[in-house]
Amino acid sequence: VDVPAAGLRLPVPEGWEVAGADALDDPVRRADIIARYPGADALLAAAAEMGDRAVPALAAFDPSTAGTGAGLATNIAVLVAQPPVSGPLLDFVAGFIGDGFKDTFGAEETARERVDTPLGEAVRLEYALPPRDGVALTAVQYIIGAPAGTILVSVLGPADVVASLEPDALVDAMQPLP
């Protein structure tokens, strides 16, 4: 899926519902997403709290969880912040984003490391979220210093499903847009 605001092409599982920046900015479309996908309200509210600091560029949801009453729909989200950052400032921004994520979702950070991606250097964060309906939840985030801005790519959902999506392979398969 092309994500022009982030300057990247991102693999998304076949059949997933993809909402680009225009759809995420449309109140009617947002309300529809929130109504159908458990946990989308918290995800989109967290993005909205960032205001102009980070703009939602894409959200993709696993349709098998729509309307099921599951605790959290598996999703992939991309946000873009300006300006692009690198070096030690990337670590600072990752800490800021991580603190917000922990506060919003009650998450516990379980791993943090520097990684390289096709778009640039990144900080990879992993979290355990409080279980919902007895299901263990996890999130993997990448804060990437890319030419188009500071890009946040997150994969969030039940721990076993997120693991099967192989977030590291997904990020490694990203491509910069020409």
N, C-alpha and C. Protein backbone atom coordinates (compact mmCIF):
# COMPACT_ATOMS: atom_id res chain seq x y z
N VAL A 1 0.85 -1.17 0.00
CA VAL A 1 0.00 0.00 0.00
C VAL A 1 0.90 1.23 0.00
N ASP A 2 0.65 2.16 -0.91
CA ASP A 2 1.39 3.40 -0.92
C ASP A 2 0.88 4.33 0.17
N VAL A 3 1.81 4.94 0.90
CA VAL A 3 1.49 5.90 1.96
C VAL A 3 2.24 7.18 1.61
N PRO A 4 1.65 8.00 0.71
CA PRO A 4 2.36 9.17 0.20
C PRO A 4 2.85 10.13 1.30
N ALA A 5 2.05 10.38 2.31
CA ALA A 5 2.44 11.33 3.36
C ALA A 5 3.71 10.88 4.09
N ALA A 6 3.95 9.56 4.10
CA ALA A 6 5.13 9.01 4.77
C ALA A 6 6.25 8.69 3.78
N GLY A 7 5.96 8.82 2.49
CA GLY A 7 6.97 8.53 1.48
C GLY A 7 7.36 7.07 1.43
N LEU A 8 6.40 6.18 1.68
CA LEU A 8 6.74 4.75 1.71
C LEU A 8 5.64 3.89 1.12
N ARG A 9 6.03 2.70 0.78
CA ARG A 9 5.12 1.61 0.38
C ARG A 9 5.27 0.55 1.46
N LEU A 10 4.15 0.11 2.00
CA LEU A 10 4.13 -0.79 3.14
C LEU A 10 3.31 -2.04 2.82
N PRO A 11 3.85 -3.23 3.09
CA PRO A 11 3.04 -4.43 2.87
C PRO A 11 1.94 -4.52 3.94
N VAL A 12 0.73 -4.77 3.49
CA VAL A 12 -0.42 -4.94 4.36
C VAL A 12 -1.04 -6.28 4.00
N PRO A 13 -1.41 -7.08 5.00
CA PRO A 13 -2.00 -8.39 4.68
C PRO A 13 -3.20 -8.25 3.74
N GLU A 14 -3.27 -9.18 2.82
CA GLU A 14 -4.36 -9.18 1.85
C GLU A 14 -5.71 -9.27 2.56
N GLY A 15 -6.65 -8.47 2.10
CA GLY A 15 -8.00 -8.49 2.65
C GLY A 15 -8.22 -7.54 3.82
N TRP A 16 -7.16 -6.94 4.32
CA TRP A 16 -7.32 -5.99 5.43
C TRP A 16 -7.96 -4.71 4.92
N GLU A 17 -8.72 -4.05 5.79
CA GLU A 17 -9.30 -2.75 5.45
C GLU A 17 -8.26 -1.67 5.67
N VAL A 18 -8.02 -0.89 4.64
CA VAL A 18 -7.01 0.17 4.69
C VAL A 18 -7.71 1.52 4.64
N ALA A 19 -7.35 2.38 5.58
CA ALA A 19 -7.85 3.75 5.61
C ALA A 19 -6.66 4.68 5.49
N GLY A 20 -6.63 5.46 4.43
CA GLY A 20 -5.56 6.42 4.22
C GLY A 20 -5.81 7.71 4.99
N ALA A 21 -4.93 8.68 4.80
CA ALA A 21 -5.01 9.95 5.53
C ALA A 21 -6.35 10.64 5.34
N ASP A 22 -6.88 10.64 4.12
CA ASP A 22 -8.16 11.32 3.87
C ASP A 22 -9.30 10.67 4.65
N ALA A 23 -9.33 9.34 4.65
CA ALA A 23 -10.38 8.63 5.39
C ALA A 23 -10.25 8.86 6.89
N LEU A 24 -9.02 8.87 7.40
CA LEU A 24 -8.82 9.08 8.84
C LEU A 24 -9.15 10.49 9.27
N ASP A 25 -9.13 11.43 8.33
CA ASP A 25 -9.46 12.82 8.63
C ASP A 25 -10.96 13.09 8.52
N ASP A 26 -11.71 12.15 7.94
CA ASP A 26 -13.15 12.30 7.73
C ASP A 26 -13.89 11.80 8.98
N PRO A 27 -14.63 12.67 9.67
CA PRO A 27 -15.32 12.26 10.91
C PRO A 27 -16.28 11.09 10.72
N VAL A 28 -16.97 11.03 9.59
CA VAL A 28 -17.91 9.94 9.34
C VAL A 28 -17.16 8.62 9.19
N ARG A 29 -16.09 8.63 8.43
CA ARG A 29 -15.29 7.41 8.20
C ARG A 29 -14.64 6.95 9.51
N ARG A 30 -14.12 7.92 10.28
CA ARG A 30 -13.51 7.58 11.59
C ARG A 30 -14.55 6.91 12.49
N ALA A 31 -15.75 7.47 12.53
CA ALA A 31 -16.81 6.92 13.38
C ALA A 31 -17.15 5.49 12.95
N ASP A 32 -17.16 5.25 11.65
CA ASP A 32 -17.43 3.90 11.13
C ASP A 32 -16.34 2.92 11.57
N ILE A 33 -15.09 3.35 11.47
CA ILE A 33 -13.97 2.50 11.88
C ILE A 33 -14.07 2.19 13.38
N ILE A 34 -14.33 3.22 14.18
CA ILE A 34 -14.44 3.04 15.63
C ILE A 34 -15.58 2.10 15.97
N ALA A 35 -16.70 2.19 15.25
CA ALA A 35 -17.86 1.33 15.53
C ALA A 35 -17.58 -0.13 15.20
N ARG A 36 -16.74 -0.38 14.19
CA ARG A 36 -16.53 -1.75 13.74
C ARG A 36 -15.31 -2.45 14.32
N TYR A 37 -14.29 -1.68 14.71
CA TYR A 37 -13.04 -2.30 15.14
C TYR A 37 -12.75 -2.01 16.61
N PRO A 38 -12.79 -3.06 17.44
CA PRO A 38 -12.54 -2.88 18.88
C PRO A 38 -11.16 -2.26 19.12
N GLY A 39 -11.13 -1.26 19.97
CA GLY A 39 -9.87 -0.61 20.32
C GLY A 39 -9.48 0.50 19.38
N ALA A 40 -10.17 0.64 18.23
CA ALA A 40 -9.83 1.70 17.29
C ALA A 40 -10.06 3.07 17.90
N ASP A 41 -11.03 3.17 18.82
CA ASP A 41 -11.29 4.46 19.46
C ASP A 41 -10.05 4.95 20.21
N ALA A 42 -9.41 4.08 20.98
CA ALA A 42 -8.21 4.48 21.74
C ALA A 42 -7.05 4.80 20.79
N LEU A 43 -6.90 4.00 19.76
CA LEU A 43 -5.82 4.21 18.79
C LEU A 43 -5.96 5.57 18.10
N LEU A 44 -7.16 5.86 17.59
CA LEU A 44 -7.38 7.10 16.87
C LEU A 44 -7.39 8.30 17.82
N ALA A 45 -7.86 8.11 19.05
CA ALA A 45 -7.82 9.20 20.04
C ALA A 45 -6.38 9.53 20.41
N ALA A 46 -5.53 8.52 20.54
CA ALA A 46 -4.12 8.76 20.85
C ALA A 46 -3.46 9.54 19.73
N ALA A 47 -3.78 9.20 18.50
CA ALA A 47 -3.23 9.93 17.35
C ALA A 47 -3.74 11.36 17.34
N ALA A 48 -5.02 11.55 17.65
CA ALA A 48 -5.61 12.89 17.65
C ALA A 48 -4.98 13.78 18.73
N GLU A 49 -4.62 13.17 19.87
CA GLU A 49 -4.00 13.93 20.96
C GLU A 49 -2.66 14.53 20.54
N MET A 50 -2.02 13.93 19.56
CA MET A 50 -0.74 14.46 19.10
C MET A 50 -0.93 15.71 18.24
N GLY A 51 -2.17 15.97 17.81
CA GLY A 51 -2.46 17.17 17.04
C GLY A 51 -1.59 17.25 15.80
N ASP A 52 -1.04 18.44 15.56
CA ASP A 52 -0.21 18.65 14.39
C ASP A 52 1.18 18.04 14.53
N ARG A 53 1.51 17.57 15.73
CA ARG A 53 2.85 16.99 15.94
C ARG A 53 3.02 15.69 15.18
N ALA A 54 1.94 14.93 14.99
CA ALA A 54 2.00 13.68 14.24
C ALA A 54 0.66 13.49 13.53
N VAL A 55 0.72 13.31 12.23
CA VAL A 55 -0.49 13.21 11.42
C VAL A 55 -0.70 11.76 11.00
N PRO A 56 -1.89 11.20 11.26
CA PRO A 56 -2.17 9.83 10.81
C PRO A 56 -2.12 9.75 9.29
N ALA A 57 -1.34 8.81 8.77
CA ALA A 57 -1.20 8.64 7.34
C ALA A 57 -1.87 7.36 6.85
N LEU A 58 -2.04 6.37 7.74
CA LEU A 58 -2.64 5.09 7.34
C LEU A 58 -3.03 4.31 8.59
N ALA A 59 -4.14 3.62 8.49
CA ALA A 59 -4.51 2.61 9.49
C ALA A 59 -5.09 1.44 8.70
N ALA A 60 -4.64 0.24 9.03
CA ALA A 60 -5.13 -0.97 8.37
C ALA A 60 -5.61 -1.91 9.47
N PHE A 61 -6.79 -2.48 9.27
CA PHE A 61 -7.40 -3.33 10.29
C PHE A 61 -7.71 -4.71 9.74
N ASP A 62 -7.52 -5.70 10.59
CA ASP A 62 -7.85 -7.08 10.25
C ASP A 62 -9.38 -7.21 10.28
N PRO A 63 -10.02 -7.44 9.14
CA PRO A 63 -11.48 -7.48 9.10
C PRO A 63 -12.09 -8.65 9.86
N SER A 64 -11.30 -9.67 10.17
CA SER A 64 -11.86 -10.81 10.89
C SER A 64 -12.25 -10.43 12.31
N THR A 65 -11.79 -9.27 12.80
CA THR A 65 -12.14 -8.84 14.15
C THR A 65 -13.25 -7.81 14.17
N ALA A 66 -13.73 -7.37 13.00
CA ALA A 66 -14.79 -6.36 12.94
C ALA A 66 -16.06 -6.88 13.58
N GLY A 67 -16.58 -6.12 14.52
CA GLY A 67 -17.86 -6.44 15.13
C GLY A 67 -17.89 -7.71 15.96
N THR A 68 -16.75 -8.28 16.29
CA THR A 68 -16.74 -9.54 17.02
C THR A 68 -16.81 -9.36 18.52
N GLY A 69 -16.57 -8.13 18.99
CA GLY A 69 -16.51 -7.92 20.43
C GLY A 69 -15.17 -8.33 21.00
N ALA A 70 -14.20 -8.66 20.13
CA ALA A 70 -12.86 -8.99 20.59
C ALA A 70 -12.29 -7.77 21.31
N GLY A 71 -11.33 -7.98 22.19
CA GLY A 71 -10.77 -6.90 22.98
C GLY A 71 -10.07 -5.83 22.17
N LEU A 72 -9.39 -6.24 21.09
CA LEU A 72 -8.62 -5.28 20.30
C LEU A 72 -8.43 -5.83 18.89
N ALA A 73 -8.82 -5.06 17.91
CA ALA A 73 -8.62 -5.46 16.52
C ALA A 73 -7.14 -5.33 16.16
N THR A 74 -6.61 -6.33 15.50
CA THR A 74 -5.22 -6.25 15.04
C THR A 74 -5.14 -5.16 13.99
N ASN A 75 -4.11 -4.30 14.12
CA ASN A 75 -4.00 -3.19 13.20
C ASN A 75 -2.55 -2.80 12.95
N ILE A 76 -2.37 -2.10 11.85
CA ILE A 76 -1.10 -1.47 11.49
C ILE A 76 -1.41 0.01 11.31
N ALA A 77 -0.60 0.86 11.92
CA ALA A 77 -0.82 2.31 11.80
C ALA A 77 0.47 3.00 11.41
N VAL A 78 0.34 4.08 10.65
CA VAL A 78 1.48 4.90 10.26
C VAL A 78 1.12 6.36 10.56
N LEU A 79 2.00 7.03 11.29
CA LEU A 79 1.88 8.46 11.56
C LEU A 79 3.14 9.15 11.09
N VAL A 80 3.01 10.43 10.73
CA VAL A 80 4.15 11.21 10.25
C VAL A 80 4.26 12.48 11.07
N ALA A 81 5.46 12.74 11.57
CA ALA A 81 5.75 13.97 12.31
C ALA A 81 6.85 14.73 11.60
N GLN A 82 6.82 16.03 11.73
CA GLN A 82 7.87 16.87 11.17
C GLN A 82 8.59 17.58 12.30
N PRO A 83 9.83 17.78 12.20
CA PRO A 83 10.73 17.46 11.09
C PRO A 83 11.27 16.05 11.24
N PRO A 84 11.98 15.55 10.22
CA PRO A 84 12.67 14.27 10.38
C PRO A 84 13.79 14.44 11.41
N VAL A 85 13.96 13.43 12.25
CA VAL A 85 15.03 13.47 13.25
C VAL A 85 15.91 12.24 13.10
N SER A 86 17.12 12.36 13.62
CA SER A 86 18.06 11.23 13.59
C SER A 86 18.97 11.34 14.80
N GLY A 87 19.89 10.38 14.89
CA GLY A 87 20.86 10.39 15.98
C GLY A 87 20.21 10.37 17.35
N PRO A 88 20.81 11.05 18.33
CA PRO A 88 20.28 11.05 19.69
C PRO A 88 18.87 11.63 19.79
N LEU A 89 18.54 12.56 18.89
CA LEU A 89 17.20 13.14 18.92
C LEU A 89 16.13 12.09 18.61
N LEU A 90 16.48 11.09 17.80
CA LEU A 90 15.54 10.01 17.50
C LEU A 90 15.22 9.23 18.77
N ASP A 91 16.23 9.00 19.62
CA ASP A 91 16.00 8.32 20.89
C ASP A 91 15.08 9.14 21.80
N PHE A 92 15.29 10.45 21.81
CA PHE A 92 14.44 11.34 22.62
C PHE A 92 12.99 11.26 22.15
N VAL A 93 12.79 11.36 20.84
CA VAL A 93 11.43 11.30 20.28
C VAL A 93 10.80 9.94 20.57
N ALA A 94 11.57 8.87 20.44
CA ALA A 94 11.05 7.53 20.74
C ALA A 94 10.60 7.44 22.19
N GLY A 95 11.37 8.04 23.10
CA GLY A 95 10.98 8.04 24.51
C GLY A 95 9.70 8.80 24.74
N PHE A 96 9.55 9.94 24.07
CA PHE A 96 8.34 10.75 24.18
C PHE A 96 7.13 9.97 23.68
N ILE A 97 7.28 9.37 22.50
CA ILE A 97 6.18 8.58 21.93
C ILE A 97 5.86 7.39 22.81
N GLY A 98 6.91 6.72 23.29
CA GLY A 98 6.71 5.56 24.16
C GLY A 98 5.98 5.91 25.43
N ASP A 99 6.33 7.05 26.04
CA ASP A 99 5.64 7.46 27.26
C ASP A 99 4.16 7.71 27.00
N GLY A 100 3.85 8.34 25.87
CA GLY A 100 2.46 8.57 25.51
C GLY A 100 1.71 7.28 25.28
N PHE A 101 2.37 6.32 24.63
CA PHE A 101 1.75 5.02 24.36
C PHE A 101 1.48 4.29 25.68
N LYS A 102 2.44 4.32 26.58
CA LYS A 102 2.26 3.66 27.88
C LYS A 102 1.10 4.28 28.64
N ASP A 103 1.01 5.61 28.62
CA ASP A 103 -0.08 6.30 29.33
C ASP A 103 -1.43 5.98 28.71
N THR A 104 -1.52 5.98 27.39
CA THR A 104 -2.79 5.76 26.70
C THR A 104 -3.29 4.34 26.85
N PHE A 105 -2.40 3.36 26.71
CA PHE A 105 -2.82 1.96 26.68
C PHE A 105 -2.49 1.18 27.94
N GLY A 106 -1.85 1.81 28.93
CA GLY A 106 -1.44 1.08 30.13
C GLY A 106 -0.40 0.03 29.80
N ALA A 107 0.43 0.31 28.79
CA ALA A 107 1.40 -0.66 28.30
C ALA A 107 2.67 -0.64 29.12
N GLU A 108 3.38 -1.75 29.06
CA GLU A 108 4.70 -1.88 29.70
C GLU A 108 5.72 -2.14 28.60
N GLU A 109 6.75 -1.30 28.54
CA GLU A 109 7.79 -1.49 27.54
C GLU A 109 8.60 -2.73 27.89
N THR A 110 8.76 -3.64 26.91
CA THR A 110 9.49 -4.88 27.15
C THR A 110 10.79 -4.96 26.37
N ALA A 111 10.96 -4.09 25.35
CA ALA A 111 12.20 -4.11 24.57
C ALA A 111 12.36 -2.77 23.87
N ARG A 112 13.63 -2.36 23.71
CA ARG A 112 13.96 -1.14 22.96
C ARG A 112 15.33 -1.37 22.33
N GLU A 113 15.42 -1.12 21.03
CA GLU A 113 16.71 -1.27 20.36
C GLU A 113 16.76 -0.39 19.12
N ARG A 114 17.99 -0.09 18.69
CA ARG A 114 18.21 0.63 17.45
C ARG A 114 18.25 -0.39 16.32
N VAL A 115 17.60 -0.06 15.21
CA VAL A 115 17.59 -0.93 14.04
C VAL A 115 17.71 -0.07 12.79
N ASP A 116 18.09 -0.70 11.69
CA ASP A 116 18.09 -0.03 10.40
C ASP A 116 16.89 -0.52 9.61
N THR A 117 16.26 0.39 8.88
CA THR A 117 15.13 0.04 8.02
C THR A 117 15.44 0.55 6.62
N PRO A 118 14.67 0.13 5.63
CA PRO A 118 14.88 0.64 4.27
C PRO A 118 14.70 2.16 4.15
N LEU A 119 14.05 2.78 5.16
CA LEU A 119 13.82 4.22 5.11
C LEU A 119 14.82 5.01 5.95
N GLY A 120 15.59 4.32 6.78
CA GLY A 120 16.54 5.01 7.64
C GLY A 120 16.66 4.36 8.99
N GLU A 121 17.46 5.01 9.86
CA GLU A 121 17.66 4.47 11.21
C GLU A 121 16.36 4.58 11.99
N ALA A 122 16.20 3.67 12.97
CA ALA A 122 14.96 3.62 13.72
C ALA A 122 15.21 3.14 15.14
N VAL A 123 14.25 3.43 15.99
CA VAL A 123 14.19 2.85 17.32
C VAL A 123 13.00 1.90 17.30
N ARG A 124 13.24 0.65 17.67
CA ARG A 124 12.19 -0.36 17.72
C ARG A 124 11.79 -0.54 19.18
N LEU A 125 10.50 -0.38 19.46
CA LEU A 125 9.95 -0.54 20.81
C LEU A 125 8.95 -1.68 20.81
N GLU A 126 8.93 -2.44 21.89
CA GLU A 126 7.95 -3.51 22.03
C GLU A 126 7.27 -3.37 23.38
N TYR A 127 5.97 -3.63 23.40
CA TYR A 127 5.17 -3.45 24.61
C TYR A 127 4.28 -4.65 24.88
N ALA A 128 4.03 -4.87 26.16
CA ALA A 128 2.96 -5.76 26.60
C ALA A 128 1.83 -4.85 27.07
N LEU A 129 0.63 -5.10 26.59
CA LEU A 129 -0.54 -4.33 27.00
C LEU A 129 -1.37 -5.17 27.96
N PRO A 130 -2.16 -4.51 28.80
CA PRO A 130 -3.03 -5.29 29.67
C PRO A 130 -3.95 -6.19 28.84
N PRO A 131 -4.10 -7.44 29.25
CA PRO A 131 -4.97 -8.36 28.50
C PRO A 131 -6.41 -7.84 28.43
N ARG A 132 -7.09 -8.16 27.35
CA ARG A 132 -8.51 -7.86 27.20
C ARG A 132 -9.23 -9.15 26.92
N ASP A 133 -10.28 -9.38 27.65
CA ASP A 133 -11.06 -10.61 27.50
C ASP A 133 -10.17 -11.84 27.57
N GLY A 134 -9.14 -11.79 28.46
CA GLY A 134 -8.25 -12.92 28.66
C GLY A 134 -7.23 -13.12 27.55
N VAL A 135 -7.11 -12.18 26.62
CA VAL A 135 -6.19 -12.31 25.50
C VAL A 135 -4.98 -11.40 25.73
N ALA A 136 -3.77 -11.98 25.65
CA ALA A 136 -2.54 -11.20 25.79
C ALA A 136 -2.39 -10.30 24.57
N LEU A 137 -2.08 -9.03 24.81
CA LEU A 137 -1.94 -8.06 23.73
C LEU A 137 -0.51 -7.52 23.70
N THR A 138 -0.08 -7.15 22.49
CA THR A 138 1.26 -6.61 22.33
C THR A 138 1.25 -5.53 21.26
N ALA A 139 2.30 -4.74 21.28
CA ALA A 139 2.51 -3.74 20.23
C ALA A 139 3.99 -3.68 19.92
N VAL A 140 4.29 -3.50 18.64
CA VAL A 140 5.65 -3.29 18.19
C VAL A 140 5.63 -1.98 17.40
N GLN A 141 6.50 -1.04 17.78
CA GLN A 141 6.56 0.25 17.12
C GLN A 141 7.96 0.51 16.59
N TYR A 142 8.00 1.23 15.48
CA TYR A 142 9.26 1.65 14.89
C TYR A 142 9.17 3.16 14.71
N ILE A 143 10.08 3.90 15.30
CA ILE A 143 10.17 5.33 15.10
C ILE A 143 11.35 5.52 14.17
N ILE A 144 11.06 5.97 12.95
CA ILE A 144 12.04 5.97 11.86
C ILE A 144 12.38 7.40 11.46
N GLY A 145 13.66 7.69 11.41
CA GLY A 145 14.12 8.97 10.87
C GLY A 145 14.21 8.83 9.36
N ALA A 146 13.18 9.29 8.65
CA ALA A 146 13.09 9.10 7.20
C ALA A 146 13.09 10.45 6.49
N PRO A 147 13.38 10.46 5.21
CA PRO A 147 13.38 11.73 4.47
C PRO A 147 12.04 12.49 4.54
N ALA A 148 10.91 11.76 4.55
CA ALA A 148 9.59 12.42 4.55
C ALA A 148 9.19 12.94 5.92
N GLY A 149 9.95 12.60 6.97
CA GLY A 149 9.62 13.01 8.32
C GLY A 149 10.01 11.94 9.30
N THR A 150 9.61 12.12 10.53
CA THR A 150 9.80 11.08 11.53
C THR A 150 8.55 10.20 11.44
N ILE A 151 8.76 8.95 11.06
CA ILE A 151 7.65 8.04 10.76
C ILE A 151 7.48 7.07 11.93
N LEU A 152 6.24 6.93 12.37
CA LEU A 152 5.89 5.93 13.39
C LEU A 152 5.09 4.84 12.70
N VAL A 153 5.61 3.62 12.72
CA VAL A 153 4.88 2.46 12.20
C VAL A 153 4.62 1.56 13.40
N SER A 154 3.36 1.21 13.63
CA SER A 154 3.04 0.34 14.76
C SER A 154 2.17 -0.82 14.30
N VAL A 155 2.39 -1.96 14.97
CA VAL A 155 1.59 -3.16 14.77
C VAL A 155 1.06 -3.52 16.15
N LEU A 156 -0.25 -3.61 16.29
CA LEU A 156 -0.89 -3.74 17.59
C LEU A 156 -1.99 -4.79 17.53
N GLY A 157 -2.07 -5.63 18.56
CA GLY A 157 -3.15 -6.62 18.61
C GLY A 157 -2.81 -7.77 19.53
N PRO A 158 -3.58 -8.87 19.43
CA PRO A 158 -3.28 -10.05 20.22
C PRO A 158 -1.85 -10.53 19.96
N ALA A 159 -1.15 -10.89 21.02
CA ALA A 159 0.28 -11.21 20.92
C ALA A 159 0.57 -12.29 19.88
N ASP A 160 -0.25 -13.34 19.83
CA ASP A 160 0.02 -14.42 18.88
C ASP A 160 -0.20 -13.97 17.43
N VAL A 161 -1.18 -13.10 17.20
CA VAL A 161 -1.46 -12.63 15.85
C VAL A 161 -0.35 -11.66 15.41
N VAL A 162 0.05 -10.75 16.30
CA VAL A 162 1.13 -9.82 15.96
C VAL A 162 2.40 -10.60 15.63
N ALA A 163 2.71 -11.62 16.43
CA ALA A 163 3.91 -12.43 16.16
C ALA A 163 3.81 -13.09 14.78
N SER A 164 2.62 -13.57 14.41
CA SER A 164 2.47 -14.23 13.11
C SER A 164 2.60 -13.25 11.95
N LEU A 165 2.35 -11.97 12.19
CA LEU A 165 2.51 -10.95 11.15
C LEU A 165 3.98 -10.61 10.90
N GLU A 166 4.85 -11.00 11.83
CA GLU A 166 6.28 -10.75 11.73
C GLU A 166 6.56 -9.26 11.47
N PRO A 167 6.33 -8.40 12.48
CA PRO A 167 6.52 -6.97 12.29
C PRO A 167 7.89 -6.58 11.75
N ASP A 168 8.95 -7.28 12.16
CA ASP A 168 10.28 -6.93 11.66
C ASP A 168 10.37 -7.19 10.16
N ALA A 169 9.80 -8.28 9.69
CA ALA A 169 9.81 -8.59 8.26
C ALA A 169 8.95 -7.57 7.50
N LEU A 170 7.83 -7.16 8.10
CA LEU A 170 6.97 -6.17 7.48
C LEU A 170 7.74 -4.86 7.27
N VAL A 171 8.44 -4.40 8.31
CA VAL A 171 9.20 -3.16 8.21
C VAL A 171 10.38 -3.32 7.25
N ASP A 172 11.03 -4.48 7.27
CA ASP A 172 12.15 -4.72 6.35
C ASP A 172 11.68 -4.70 4.89
N ALA A 173 10.40 -5.01 4.65
CA ALA A 173 9.86 -5.05 3.30
C ALA A 173 9.32 -3.68 2.83
N MET A 174 9.32 -2.69 3.71
CA MET A 174 8.91 -1.34 3.30
C MET A 174 9.84 -0.85 2.20
N GLN A 175 9.29 0.02 1.36
CA GLN A 175 10.10 0.62 0.30
C GLN A 175 9.83 2.11 0.26
N PRO A 176 10.87 2.91 0.01
CA PRO A 176 10.60 4.33 -0.20
C PRO A 176 9.87 4.53 -1.52
N LEU A 177 8.95 5.48 -1.54
CA LEU A 177 8.26 5.80 -2.79
C LEU A 177 9.23 6.55 -3.69
N PRO A 178 9.14 6.31 -4.99
CA PRO A 178 10.03 7.04 -5.92
C PRO A 178 9.74 8.53 -5.92
